[in-house]
Full PDB file with SEQRES, HELIX, SHEET, SSBOND, CRYST1, ORIGX, SCALE, CONECT and MASTER records, all heavy atoms in Angstrom:
SEQRES   1 A   37  LEU PHE CYS ILE GLY SER GLY SER ASP ALA ASP VAL ARG          
SEQRES   2 A   37  VAL ARG THR PHE ALA PRO GLY ALA GLY VAL PHE GLU ASP          
SEQRES   3 A   37  PRO VAL THR GLY SER SER ASN GLY CYS ILE ALA                  
HELIX    1 AA1 PRO A   19  ALA A   21  5                                   3    
HELIX    2 AA2 GLY A   30  ILE A   36  1                                   7    
SHEET    1 AA1 2 PHE A   2  ILE A   4  0                                        
SHEET    2 AA1 2 VAL A  12  VAL A  14 -1                                        
SHEET    1 AA2 2 THR A  16  ALA A  18  0                                        
SHEET    2 AA2 2 VAL A  23  ASP A  26 -1                                        
CRYST1    1.000    1.000    1.000  90.00  90.00  90.00 P 1           1          
ORIGX1      1.000000  0.000000  0.000000        0.00000                         
ORIGX2      0.000000  1.000000  0.000000        0.00000                         
ORIGX3      0.000000  0.000000  1.000000        0.00000                         
SCALE1      1.000000  0.000000  0.000000        0.00000                         
SCALE2      0.000000  1.000000  0.000000        0.00000                         
SCALE3      0.000000  0.000000  1.000000        0.00000                         
ATOM      1  N   LEU A   1      32.780-111.549  79.859  1.00  0.00           N  
ATOM      2  CA  LEU A   1      33.692-112.471  80.577  1.00  0.00           C  
ATOM      3  C   LEU A   1      33.692-112.094  82.057  1.00  0.00           C  
ATOM      4  O   LEU A   1      33.443-110.978  82.478  1.00  0.00           O  
ATOM      5  CB  LEU A   1      35.092-112.388  80.000  1.00  0.00           C  
ATOM      6  CG  LEU A   1      35.814-111.038  80.008  1.00  0.00           C  
ATOM      7  CD1 LEU A   1      37.289-111.232  80.209  1.00  0.00           C  
ATOM      8  CD2 LEU A   1      35.577-110.328  78.657  1.00  0.00           C  
ATOM      9  N   PHE A   2      33.979-113.129  82.844  1.00  0.00           N  
ATOM     10  CA  PHE A   2      33.954-112.930  84.281  1.00  0.00           C  
ATOM     11  C   PHE A   2      35.057-113.788  84.919  1.00  0.00           C  
ATOM     12  O   PHE A   2      35.501-114.786  84.346  1.00  0.00           O  
ATOM     13  CB  PHE A   2      32.620-113.308  84.913  1.00  0.00           C  
ATOM     14  CG  PHE A   2      32.267-114.734  84.946  1.00  0.00           C  
ATOM     15  CD1 PHE A   2      32.481-115.457  86.143  1.00  0.00           C  
ATOM     16  CD2 PHE A   2      31.759-115.424  83.846  1.00  0.00           C  
ATOM     17  CE1 PHE A   2      32.175-116.833  86.174  1.00  0.00           C  
ATOM     18  CE2 PHE A   2      31.492-116.800  83.894  1.00  0.00           C  
ATOM     19  CZ  PHE A   2      31.689-117.505  85.067  1.00  0.00           C  
ATOM     20  N   CYS A   3      35.397-113.441  86.151  1.00  0.00           N  
ATOM     21  CA  CYS A   3      36.233-114.292  86.991  1.00  0.00           C  
ATOM     22  C   CYS A   3      35.693-114.294  88.372  1.00  0.00           C  
ATOM     23  O   CYS A   3      34.995-113.329  88.782  1.00  0.00           O  
ATOM     24  CB  CYS A   3      37.677-113.822  86.964  1.00  0.00           C  
ATOM     25  SG  CYS A   3      37.929-112.189  87.736  1.00  0.00           S  
ATOM     26  N   ILE A   4      35.932-115.365  89.083  1.00  0.00           N  
ATOM     27  CA  ILE A   4      35.599-115.407  90.504  1.00  0.00           C  
ATOM     28  C   ILE A   4      36.699-114.715  91.232  1.00  0.00           C  
ATOM     29  O   ILE A   4      37.866-114.989  91.063  1.00  0.00           O  
ATOM     30  CB  ILE A   4      35.478-116.865  90.985  1.00  0.00           C  
ATOM     31  CG1 ILE A   4      34.408-117.616  90.155  1.00  0.00           C  
ATOM     32  CG2 ILE A   4      35.120-116.909  92.459  1.00  0.00           C  
ATOM     33  CD1 ILE A   4      32.990-117.055  90.205  1.00  0.00           C  
ATOM     34  N   GLY A   5      36.334-113.738  92.105  1.00  0.00           N  
ATOM     35  CA  GLY A   5      37.325-112.950  92.779  1.00  0.00           C  
ATOM     36  C   GLY A   5      37.471-111.636  92.086  1.00  0.00           C  
ATOM     37  O   GLY A   5      37.124-111.441  90.911  1.00  0.00           O  
ATOM     38  N   SER A   6      37.985-110.602  92.809  1.00  0.00           N  
ATOM     39  CA  SER A   6      38.129-109.261  92.239  1.00  0.00           C  
ATOM     40  C   SER A   6      39.228-108.520  92.980  1.00  0.00           C  
ATOM     41  O   SER A   6      39.899-109.067  93.868  1.00  0.00           O  
ATOM     42  CB  SER A   6      36.772-108.505  92.406  1.00  0.00           C  
ATOM     43  OG  SER A   6      36.602-108.157  93.792  1.00  0.00           O  
ATOM     44  N   GLY A   7      39.419-107.267  92.578  1.00  0.00           N  
ATOM     45  CA  GLY A   7      40.403-106.474  93.276  1.00  0.00           C  
ATOM     46  C   GLY A   7      39.893-105.718  94.463  1.00  0.00           C  
ATOM     47  O   GLY A   7      40.537-104.866  95.021  1.00  0.00           O  
ATOM     48  N   SER A   8      38.678-106.102  94.874  1.00  0.00           N  
ATOM     49  CA  SER A   8      38.033-105.421  96.045  1.00  0.00           C  
ATOM     50  C   SER A   8      37.237-106.422  96.816  1.00  0.00           C  
ATOM     51  O   SER A   8      37.555-107.606  96.814  1.00  0.00           O  
ATOM     52  CB  SER A   8      37.094-104.290  95.493  1.00  0.00           C  
ATOM     53  OG  SER A   8      36.000-104.854  94.842  1.00  0.00           O  
ATOM     54  N   ASP A   9      36.210-105.960  97.529  1.00  0.00           N  
ATOM     55  CA  ASP A   9      35.358-106.890  98.277  1.00  0.00           C  
ATOM     56  C   ASP A   9      34.262-107.519  97.439  1.00  0.00           C  
ATOM     57  O   ASP A   9      33.425-108.295  97.993  1.00  0.00           O  
ATOM     58  CB  ASP A   9      34.739-106.155  99.492  1.00  0.00           C  
ATOM     59  CG  ASP A   9      33.884-104.979  99.072  1.00  0.00           C  
ATOM     60  OD1 ASP A   9      33.974-104.515  97.938  1.00  0.00           O  
ATOM     61  OD2 ASP A   9      33.075-104.543  99.933  1.00  0.00           O  
ATOM     62  N   ALA A  10      34.193-107.225  96.147  1.00  0.00           N  
ATOM     63  CA  ALA A  10      33.227-107.876  95.266  1.00  0.00           C  
ATOM     64  C   ALA A  10      33.586-109.361  95.064  1.00  0.00           C  
ATOM     65  O   ALA A  10      34.748-109.718  95.193  1.00  0.00           O  
ATOM     66  CB  ALA A  10      33.096-107.162  93.953  1.00  0.00           C  
ATOM     67  N   ASP A  11      32.600-110.163  94.773  1.00  0.00           N  
ATOM     68  CA  ASP A  11      32.843-111.609  94.623  1.00  0.00           C  
ATOM     69  C   ASP A  11      33.226-111.929  93.173  1.00  0.00           C  
ATOM     70  O   ASP A  11      33.860-112.998  92.902  1.00  0.00           O  
ATOM     71  CB  ASP A  11      31.554-112.387  94.929  1.00  0.00           C  
ATOM     72  CG  ASP A  11      31.070-112.101  96.333  1.00  0.00           C  
ATOM     73  OD1 ASP A  11      31.735-112.547  97.265  1.00  0.00           O  
ATOM     74  OD2 ASP A  11      30.035-111.408  96.473  1.00  0.00           O  
ATOM     75  N   VAL A  12      32.882-111.105  92.168  1.00  0.00           N  
ATOM     76  CA  VAL A  12      33.051-111.412  90.772  1.00  0.00           C  
ATOM     77  C   VAL A  12      33.463-110.132  90.051  1.00  0.00           C  
ATOM     78  O   VAL A  12      32.946-109.033  90.359  1.00  0.00           O  
ATOM     79  CB  VAL A  12      31.760-111.974  90.165  1.00  0.00           C  
ATOM     80  CG1 VAL A  12      31.861-112.067  88.634  1.00  0.00           C  
ATOM     81  CG2 VAL A  12      31.407-113.339  90.788  1.00  0.00           C  
ATOM     82  N   ARG A  13      34.367-110.228  89.117  1.00  0.00           N  
ATOM     83  CA  ARG A  13      34.745-109.085  88.197  1.00  0.00           C  
ATOM     84  C   ARG A  13      34.253-109.440  86.840  1.00  0.00           C  
ATOM     85  O   ARG A  13      34.372-110.605  86.343  1.00  0.00           O  
ATOM     86  CB  ARG A  13      36.254-108.868  88.229  1.00  0.00           C  
ATOM     87  CG  ARG A  13      36.782-107.836  87.160  1.00  0.00           C  
ATOM     88  CD  ARG A  13      36.502-106.429  87.519  1.00  0.00           C  
ATOM     89  NE  ARG A  13      37.302-105.926  88.622  1.00  0.00           N  
ATOM     90  CZ  ARG A  13      38.505-105.334  88.534  1.00  0.00           C  
ATOM     91  NH1 ARG A  13      39.031-105.156  87.317  1.00  0.00           N  
ATOM     92  NH2 ARG A  13      39.143-104.904  89.581  1.00  0.00           N  
ATOM     93  N   VAL A  14      33.704-108.406  86.112  1.00  0.00           N  
ATOM     94  CA  VAL A  14      33.071-108.636  84.796  1.00  0.00           C  
ATOM     95  C   VAL A  14      33.578-107.598  83.840  1.00  0.00           C  
ATOM     96  O   VAL A  14      33.851-106.455  84.171  1.00  0.00           O  
ATOM     97  CB  VAL A  14      31.544-108.536  84.918  1.00  0.00           C  
ATOM     98  CG1 VAL A  14      30.875-108.620  83.555  1.00  0.00           C  
ATOM     99  CG2 VAL A  14      30.984-109.620  85.850  1.00  0.00           C  
ATOM    100  N   ARG A  15      33.728-108.024  82.580  1.00  0.00           N  
ATOM    101  CA  ARG A  15      33.928-107.095  81.428  1.00  0.00           C  
ATOM    102  C   ARG A  15      33.023-107.583  80.280  1.00  0.00           C  
ATOM    103  O   ARG A  15      32.850-108.779  80.101  1.00  0.00           O  
ATOM    104  CB  ARG A  15      35.375-107.004  80.967  1.00  0.00           C  
ATOM    105  CG  ARG A  15      36.276-106.370  81.966  1.00  0.00           C  
ATOM    106  CD  ARG A  15      37.716-106.222  81.460  1.00  0.00           C  
ATOM    107  NE  ARG A  15      37.842-105.189  80.437  1.00  0.00           N  
ATOM    108  CZ  ARG A  15      38.959-104.799  79.863  1.00  0.00           C  
ATOM    109  NH1 ARG A  15      40.104-105.467  80.144  1.00  0.00           N  
ATOM    110  NH2 ARG A  15      39.002-103.837  78.973  1.00  0.00           N  
ATOM    111  N   THR A  16      32.462-106.615  79.504  1.00  0.00           N  
ATOM    112  CA  THR A  16      31.527-106.949  78.446  1.00  0.00           C  
ATOM    113  C   THR A  16      31.867-106.194  77.166  1.00  0.00           C  
ATOM    114  O   THR A  16      32.090-104.977  77.237  1.00  0.00           O  
ATOM    115  CB  THR A  16      30.116-106.624  78.893  1.00  0.00           C  
ATOM    116  OG1 THR A  16      29.783-107.401  80.060  1.00  0.00           O  
ATOM    117  CG2 THR A  16      29.090-106.918  77.798  1.00  0.00           C  
ATOM    118  N   PHE A  17      31.852-106.911  76.041  1.00  0.00           N  
ATOM    119  CA  PHE A  17      32.176-106.340  74.765  1.00  0.00           C  
ATOM    120  C   PHE A  17      31.053-106.662  73.767  1.00  0.00           C  
ATOM    121  O   PHE A  17      30.644-107.821  73.642  1.00  0.00           O  
ATOM    122  CB  PHE A  17      33.494-106.867  74.212  1.00  0.00           C  
ATOM    123  CG  PHE A  17      34.651-106.649  75.155  1.00  0.00           C  
ATOM    124  CD1 PHE A  17      35.003-107.627  76.076  1.00  0.00           C  
ATOM    125  CD2 PHE A  17      35.342-105.487  75.180  1.00  0.00           C  
ATOM    126  CE1 PHE A  17      36.035-107.470  76.943  1.00  0.00           C  
ATOM    127  CE2 PHE A  17      36.394-105.267  76.029  1.00  0.00           C  
ATOM    128  CZ  PHE A  17      36.756-106.295  76.924  1.00  0.00           C  
ATOM    129  N   ALA A  18      30.526-105.622  73.039  1.00  0.00           N  
ATOM    130  CA  ALA A  18      29.460-105.857  72.091  1.00  0.00           C  
ATOM    131  C   ALA A  18      29.631-104.964  70.863  1.00  0.00           C  
ATOM    132  O   ALA A  18      28.759-104.161  70.524  1.00  0.00           O  
ATOM    133  CB  ALA A  18      28.094-105.608  72.725  1.00  0.00           C  
ATOM    134  N   PRO A  19      30.771-105.093  70.136  1.00  0.00           N  
ATOM    135  CA  PRO A  19      30.991-104.256  69.005  1.00  0.00           C  
ATOM    136  C   PRO A  19      29.950-104.434  67.887  1.00  0.00           C  
ATOM    137  O   PRO A  19      29.684-103.520  67.124  1.00  0.00           O  
ATOM    138  CB  PRO A  19      32.405-104.639  68.490  1.00  0.00           C  
ATOM    139  CG  PRO A  19      32.659-105.967  69.097  1.00  0.00           C  
ATOM    140  CD  PRO A  19      31.916-106.031  70.385  1.00  0.00           C  
ATOM    141  N   GLY A  20      29.309-105.635  67.836  1.00  0.00           N  
ATOM    142  CA  GLY A  20      28.275-105.810  66.837  1.00  0.00           C  
ATOM    143  C   GLY A  20      27.070-104.958  67.010  1.00  0.00           C  
ATOM    144  O   GLY A  20      26.329-104.720  66.063  1.00  0.00           O  
ATOM    145  N   ALA A  21      26.837-104.450  68.245  1.00  0.00           N  
ATOM    146  CA  ALA A  21      25.714-103.576  68.532  1.00  0.00           C  
ATOM    147  C   ALA A  21      26.182-102.092  68.596  1.00  0.00           C  
ATOM    148  O   ALA A  21      25.408-101.241  69.002  1.00  0.00           O  
ATOM    149  CB  ALA A  21      25.069-103.923  69.853  1.00  0.00           C  
ATOM    150  N   GLY A  22      27.425-101.822  68.188  1.00  0.00           N  
ATOM    151  CA  GLY A  22      27.907-100.483  68.223  1.00  0.00           C  
ATOM    152  C   GLY A  22      28.549-100.043  69.497  1.00  0.00           C  
ATOM    153  O   GLY A  22      28.766 -98.850  69.737  1.00  0.00           O  
ATOM    154  N   VAL A  23      28.810-101.000  70.449  1.00  0.00           N  
ATOM    155  CA  VAL A  23      29.363-100.724  71.720  1.00  0.00           C  
ATOM    156  C   VAL A  23      30.577-101.597  71.918  1.00  0.00           C  
ATOM    157  O   VAL A  23      30.427-102.803  72.193  1.00  0.00           O  
ATOM    158  CB  VAL A  23      28.339-100.956  72.851  1.00  0.00           C  
ATOM    159  CG1 VAL A  23      28.965-100.581  74.224  1.00  0.00           C  
ATOM    160  CG2 VAL A  23      27.047-100.221  72.630  1.00  0.00           C  
ATOM    161  N   PHE A  24      31.788-101.006  71.785  1.00  0.00           N  
ATOM    162  CA  PHE A  24      32.959-101.876  71.876  1.00  0.00           C  
ATOM    163  C   PHE A  24      33.028-102.507  73.290  1.00  0.00           C  
ATOM    164  O   PHE A  24      33.098-103.689  73.414  1.00  0.00           O  
ATOM    165  CB  PHE A  24      34.260-101.132  71.558  1.00  0.00           C  
ATOM    166  CG  PHE A  24      35.462-102.077  71.619  1.00  0.00           C  
ATOM    167  CD1 PHE A  24      35.661-102.990  70.621  1.00  0.00           C  
ATOM    168  CD2 PHE A  24      36.322-102.027  72.690  1.00  0.00           C  
ATOM    169  CE1 PHE A  24      36.765-103.892  70.687  1.00  0.00           C  
ATOM    170  CE2 PHE A  24      37.395-102.898  72.762  1.00  0.00           C  
ATOM    171  CZ  PHE A  24      37.618-103.828  71.764  1.00  0.00           C  
ATOM    172  N   GLU A  25      33.045-101.656  74.301  1.00  0.00           N  
ATOM    173  CA  GLU A  25      33.014-102.142  75.692  1.00  0.00           C  
ATOM    174  C   GLU A  25      31.970-101.395  76.452  1.00  0.00           C  
ATOM    175  O   GLU A  25      31.885-100.152  76.392  1.00  0.00           O  
ATOM    176  CB  GLU A  25      34.373-102.076  76.408  1.00  0.00           C  
ATOM    177  CG  GLU A  25      34.296-102.612  77.803  1.00  0.00           C  
ATOM    178  CD  GLU A  25      35.690-102.800  78.479  1.00  0.00           C  
ATOM    179  OE1 GLU A  25      36.674-102.416  77.867  1.00  0.00           O  
ATOM    180  OE2 GLU A  25      35.729-103.359  79.589  1.00  0.00           O  
ATOM    181  N   ASP A  26      31.132-102.121  77.198  1.00  0.00           N  
ATOM    182  CA  ASP A  26      30.041-101.559  77.976  1.00  0.00           C  
ATOM    183  C   ASP A  26      30.493-101.466  79.431  1.00  0.00           C  
ATOM    184  O   ASP A  26      31.053-102.388  79.962  1.00  0.00           O  
ATOM    185  CB  ASP A  26      28.832-102.466  77.877  1.00  0.00           C  
ATOM    186  CG  ASP A  26      27.550-101.755  78.377  1.00  0.00           C  
ATOM    187  OD1 ASP A  26      27.395-100.555  78.133  1.00  0.00           O  
ATOM    188  OD2 ASP A  26      26.693-102.429  79.012  1.00  0.00           O  
ATOM    189  N   PRO A  27      30.273-100.288  80.075  1.00  0.00           N  
ATOM    190  CA  PRO A  27      30.799-100.140  81.421  1.00  0.00           C  
ATOM    191  C   PRO A  27      30.223-101.130  82.463  1.00  0.00           C  
ATOM    192  O   PRO A  27      30.958-101.818  83.160  1.00  0.00           O  
ATOM    193  CB  PRO A  27      30.416 -98.697  81.812  1.00  0.00           C  
ATOM    194  CG  PRO A  27      30.320 -97.991  80.488  1.00  0.00           C  
ATOM    195  CD  PRO A  27      29.751 -99.029  79.566  1.00  0.00           C  
ATOM    196  N   VAL A  28      28.870-101.194  82.573  1.00  0.00           N  
ATOM    197  CA  VAL A  28      28.247-102.064  83.502  1.00  0.00           C  
ATOM    198  C   VAL A  28      26.977-102.646  82.859  1.00  0.00           C  
ATOM    199  O   VAL A  28      26.118-101.860  82.455  1.00  0.00           O  
ATOM    200  CB  VAL A  28      27.883-101.382  84.811  1.00  0.00           C  
ATOM    201  CG1 VAL A  28      27.582-102.391  85.921  1.00  0.00           C  
ATOM    202  CG2 VAL A  28      28.963-100.413  85.261  1.00  0.00           C  
ATOM    203  N   THR A  29      26.832-103.951  82.770  1.00  0.00           N  
ATOM    204  CA  THR A  29      25.872-104.582  81.908  1.00  0.00           C  
ATOM    205  C   THR A  29      24.952-105.465  82.698  1.00  0.00           C  
ATOM    206  O   THR A  29      25.270-106.598  83.117  1.00  0.00           O  
ATOM    207  CB  THR A  29      26.565-105.422  80.805  1.00  0.00           C  
ATOM    208  OG1 THR A  29      27.660-104.686  80.284  1.00  0.00           O  
ATOM    209  CG2 THR A  29      25.628-105.791  79.707  1.00  0.00           C  
ATOM    210  N   GLY A  30      23.699-104.984  82.917  1.00  0.00           N  
ATOM    211  CA  GLY A  30      22.772-105.767  83.713  1.00  0.00           C  
ATOM    212  C   GLY A  30      22.314-107.051  83.093  1.00  0.00           C  
ATOM    213  O   GLY A  30      22.142-108.069  83.781  1.00  0.00           O  
ATOM    214  N   SER A  31      22.108-107.076  81.763  1.00  0.00           N  
ATOM    215  CA  SER A  31      21.640-108.324  81.118  1.00  0.00           C  
ATOM    216  C   SER A  31      22.701-109.396  81.163  1.00  0.00           C  
ATOM    217  O   SER A  31      22.348-110.577  81.454  1.00  0.00           O  
ATOM    218  CB  SER A  31      21.196-108.003  79.666  1.00  0.00           C  
ATOM    219  OG  SER A  31      22.293-107.483  78.914  1.00  0.00           O  
ATOM    220  N   SER A  32      23.942-109.079  80.881  1.00  0.00           N  
ATOM    221  CA  SER A  32      24.962-110.120  80.860  1.00  0.00           C  
ATOM    222  C   SER A  32      25.318-110.585  82.262  1.00  0.00           C  
ATOM    223  O   SER A  32      25.629-111.746  82.502  1.00  0.00           O  
ATOM    224  CB  SER A  32      26.210-109.713  80.122  1.00  0.00           C  
ATOM    225  OG  SER A  32      26.968-108.780  80.839  1.00  0.00           O  
ATOM    226  N   ASN A  33      25.193-109.658  83.258  1.00  0.00           N  
ATOM    227  CA  ASN A  33      25.400-110.089  84.629  1.00  0.00           C  
ATOM    228  C   ASN A  33      24.354-111.073  85.043  1.00  0.00           C  
ATOM    229  O   ASN A  33      24.632-111.999  85.873  1.00  0.00           O  
ATOM    230  CB  ASN A  33      25.437-108.874  85.567  1.00  0.00           C  
ATOM    231  CG  ASN A  33      26.868-108.320  85.745  1.00  0.00           C  
ATOM    232  OD1 ASN A  33      27.637-108.842  86.554  1.00  0.00           O  
ATOM    233  ND2 ASN A  33      27.205-107.311  84.982  1.00  0.00           N  
ATOM    234  N   GLY A  34      23.134-110.901  84.599  1.00  0.00           N  
ATOM    235  CA  GLY A  34      22.103-111.919  84.919  1.00  0.00           C  
ATOM    236  C   GLY A  34      22.456-113.279  84.293  1.00  0.00           C  
ATOM    237  O   GLY A  34      22.242-114.310  84.927  1.00  0.00           O  
ATOM    238  N   CYS A  35      22.973-113.257  83.064  1.00  0.00           N  
ATOM    239  CA  CYS A  35      23.393-114.546  82.451  1.00  0.00           C  
ATOM    240  C   CYS A  35      24.549-115.164  83.225  1.00  0.00           C  
ATOM    241  O   CYS A  35      24.565-116.417  83.395  1.00  0.00           O  
ATOM    242  CB  CYS A  35      23.804-114.272  81.018  1.00  0.00           C  
ATOM    243  SG  CYS A  35      22.471-113.659  79.909  1.00  0.00           S  
ATOM    244  N   ILE A  36      25.489-114.352  83.640  1.00  0.00           N  
ATOM    245  CA  ILE A  36      26.645-114.882  84.401  1.00  0.00           C  
ATOM    246  C   ILE A  36      26.118-115.482  85.703  1.00  0.00           C  
ATOM    247  O   ILE A  36      26.576-116.589  86.128  1.00  0.00           O  
ATOM    248  CB  ILE A  36      27.651-113.775  84.661  1.00  0.00           C  
ATOM    249  CG1 ILE A  36      28.358-113.390  83.333  1.00  0.00           C  
ATOM    250  CG2 ILE A  36      28.664-114.146  85.717  1.00  0.00           C  
ATOM    251  CD1 ILE A  36      29.149-112.102  83.413  1.00  0.00           C  
ATOM    252  N   ALA A  37      25.197-114.798  86.390  1.00  0.00           N  
ATOM    253  CA  ALA A  37      24.678-115.314  87.649  1.00  0.00           C  
ATOM    254  C   ALA A  37      24.006-116.664  87.471  1.00  0.00           C  
ATOM    255  O   ALA A  37      24.180-117.543  88.300  1.00  0.00           O  
ATOM    256  CB  ALA A  37      23.736-114.294  88.256  1.00  0.00           C  
TER     257      ALA A  37                                                      
MASTER        0    0    0    2    4    0    0    6  256    1    0    3          
END                                                                             
């Protein structure tokens, strides 16, 4: 999930959850950020 705007100078804030792959929340996710972009 993402939103436009953040709590800093970043343009977008992201969170990613993948419990089906054994990772409840992933800290920083390059593949999903590409999809979001």
